[in-house]
Amino acid sequence: MASTTKISLSELPVNEHATILSFANGRLETSRLASLGFTPGAEVNMSQNYGRGPLIVTVRGTHVALGRGEAASIVVEHKEE
């Protein structure tokens, strides 16, 4: 049976999928992320995450590079099988 956990996007392992739940930042940054396709309910896939520095995720069919601080402010629901 699959379990779900809430984590920040920066903690998502490579090649794993998650669903965006909420943001833990200000209105300006939330607006910027929304314009890139990061909205609650959207599915993301981690393409590159070396544990430090920027990471690359796929959201709505587009690869997006995010700073680690930005990614840490995005709360996602990760399904573990």
C-alpha atoms as a PDB file:
ATOM      1  CA  MET A   1       0.000   0.000   0.000  1.00  0.00           C
ATOM      2  CA  ALA A   2       1.339   3.427  -0.923  1.00  0.00           C
ATOM      3  CA  SER A   3       1.796   6.045   1.759  1.00  0.00           C
ATOM      4  CA  THR A   4       2.001   9.807   1.262  1.00  0.00           C
ATOM      5  CA  THR A   5       4.236  12.299   3.025  1.00  0.00           C
ATOM      6  CA  LYS A   6       4.421  16.087   2.964  1.00  0.00           C
ATOM      7  CA  ILE A   7       7.919  17.337   2.181  1.00  0.00           C
ATOM      8  CA  SER A   8       9.509  20.366   0.575  1.00  0.00           C
ATOM      9  CA  LEU A   9      10.245  20.129  -3.132  1.00  0.00           C
ATOM     10  CA  SER A  10      13.981  20.379  -2.393  1.00  0.00           C
ATOM     11  CA  GLU A  11      13.775  17.014  -0.563  1.00  0.00           C
ATOM     12  CA  LEU A  12      12.169  15.120  -3.453  1.00  0.00           C
ATOM     13  CA  PRO A  13      14.480  12.376  -4.822  1.00  0.00           C
ATOM     14  CA  VAL A  14      15.444  12.266  -8.506  1.00  0.00           C
ATOM     15  CA  ASN A  15      12.907  10.594 -10.840  1.00  0.00           C
ATOM     16  CA  GLU A  16      10.146  10.811  -8.209  1.00  0.00           C
ATOM     17  CA  HIS A  17       6.751  12.467  -8.703  1.00  0.00           C
ATOM     18  CA  ALA A  18       4.865  14.669  -6.259  1.00  0.00           C
ATOM     19  CA  THR A  19       1.817  16.945  -6.182  1.00  0.00           C
ATOM     20  CA  ILE A  20       2.126  20.599  -5.154  1.00  0.00           C
ATOM     21  CA  LEU A  21       0.104  21.393  -2.028  1.00  0.00           C
ATOM     22  CA  SER A  22       1.046  24.922  -0.939  1.00  0.00           C
ATOM     23  CA  PHE A  23       3.738  27.589  -0.724  1.00  0.00           C
ATOM     24  CA  ALA A  24       5.578  28.910   2.318  1.00  0.00           C
ATOM     25  CA  ASN A  25       6.671  32.281   0.950  1.00  0.00           C
ATOM     26  CA  GLY A  26       5.417  35.747   0.108  1.00  0.00           C
ATOM     27  CA  ARG A  27       2.923  36.856  -2.517  1.00  0.00           C
ATOM     28  CA  LEU A  28       5.520  38.079  -5.012  1.00  0.00           C
ATOM     29  CA  GLU A  29       7.433  34.785  -5.082  1.00  0.00           C
ATOM     30  CA  THR A  30       4.194  32.748  -5.121  1.00  0.00           C
ATOM     31  CA  SER A  31       3.013  34.789  -8.114  1.00  0.00           C
ATOM     32  CA  ARG A  32       6.294  34.193  -9.937  1.00  0.00           C
ATOM     33  CA  LEU A  33       6.132  30.446  -9.288  1.00  0.00           C
ATOM     34  CA  ALA A  34       2.501  30.333 -10.439  1.00  0.00           C
ATOM     35  CA  SER A  35       3.485  32.008 -13.716  1.00  0.00           C
ATOM     36  CA  LEU A  36       6.003  29.179 -14.234  1.00  0.00           C
ATOM     37  CA  GLY A  37       3.263  26.566 -13.745  1.00  0.00           C
ATOM     38  CA  PHE A  38       3.751  25.801 -10.047  1.00  0.00           C
ATOM     39  CA  THR A  39       0.159  25.815  -8.792  1.00  0.00           C
ATOM     40  CA  PRO A  40      -1.525  23.669  -6.127  1.00  0.00           C
ATOM     41  CA  GLY A  41      -2.556  20.344  -7.632  1.00  0.00           C
ATOM     42  CA  ALA A  42       0.102  20.374 -10.369  1.00  0.00           C
ATOM     43  CA  GLU A  43       2.312  17.299 -10.608  1.00  0.00           C
ATOM     44  CA  VAL A  44       6.088  17.727 -10.599  1.00  0.00           C
ATOM     45  CA  ASN A  45       8.904  15.331 -11.417  1.00  0.00           C
ATOM     46  CA  MET A  46      12.414  15.800 -10.035  1.00  0.00           C
ATOM     47  CA  SER A  47      14.932  15.651 -12.899  1.00  0.00           C
ATOM     48  CA  GLN A  48      18.101  16.777 -11.086  1.00  0.00           C
ATOM     49  CA  ASN A  49      18.822  17.180  -7.383  1.00  0.00           C
ATOM     50  CA  TYR A  50      22.435  16.933  -6.265  1.00  0.00           C
ATOM     51  CA  GLY A  51      21.660  17.884  -2.649  1.00  0.00           C
ATOM     52  CA  ARG A  52      23.029  21.424  -2.986  1.00  0.00           C
ATOM     53  CA  GLY A  53      22.833  24.155  -5.568  1.00  0.00           C
ATOM     54  CA  PRO A  54      19.995  24.522  -8.072  1.00  0.00           C
ATOM     55  CA  LEU A  55      17.685  21.688  -9.038  1.00  0.00           C
ATOM     56  CA  ILE A  56      15.679  20.928 -12.165  1.00  0.00           C
ATOM     57  CA  VAL A  57      12.045  19.818 -12.095  1.00  0.00           C
ATOM     58  CA  THR A  58       9.487  19.108 -14.792  1.00  0.00           C
ATOM     59  CA  VAL A  59       6.123  20.793 -14.275  1.00  0.00           C
ATOM     60  CA  ARG A  60       3.343  20.819 -16.888  1.00  0.00           C
ATOM     61  CA  GLY A  61       5.752  19.379 -19.481  1.00  0.00           C
ATOM     62  CA  THR A  62       8.411  22.079 -19.000  1.00  0.00           C
ATOM     63  CA  HIS A  63      11.850  21.751 -17.389  1.00  0.00           C
ATOM     64  CA  VAL A  64      12.396  24.512 -14.820  1.00  0.00           C
ATOM     65  CA  ALA A  65      15.565  25.274 -12.849  1.00  0.00           C
ATOM     66  CA  LEU A  66      14.894  26.440  -9.295  1.00  0.00           C
ATOM     67  CA  GLY A  67      17.152  27.698  -6.564  1.00  0.00           C
ATOM     68  CA  ARG A  68      17.267  25.516  -3.476  1.00  0.00           C
ATOM     69  CA  GLY A  69      15.594  28.245  -1.374  1.00  0.00           C
ATOM     70  CA  GLU A  70      12.699  28.526  -3.817  1.00  0.00           C
ATOM     71  CA  ALA A  71      12.261  24.759  -3.903  1.00  0.00           C
ATOM     72  CA  ALA A  72      12.344  24.567  -0.105  1.00  0.00           C
ATOM     73  CA  SER A  73       9.349  26.922   0.059  1.00  0.00           C
ATOM     74  CA  ILE A  74       7.143  24.626  -2.059  1.00  0.00           C
ATOM     75  CA  VAL A  75       5.271  21.977  -0.034  1.00  0.00           C
ATOM     76  CA  VAL A  76       4.526  18.800  -1.982  1.00  0.00           C
ATOM     77  CA  GLU A  77       2.807  15.484  -1.322  1.00  0.00           C
ATOM     78  CA  HIS A  78       5.084  12.579  -2.229  1.00  0.00           C
ATOM     79  CA  LYS A  79       3.623   9.109  -2.811  1.00  0.00           C
ATOM     80  CA  GLU A  80       5.894   6.354  -1.579  1.00  0.00           C
ATOM     81  CA  GLU A  81       5.171   2.847  -2.843  1.00  0.00           C
END
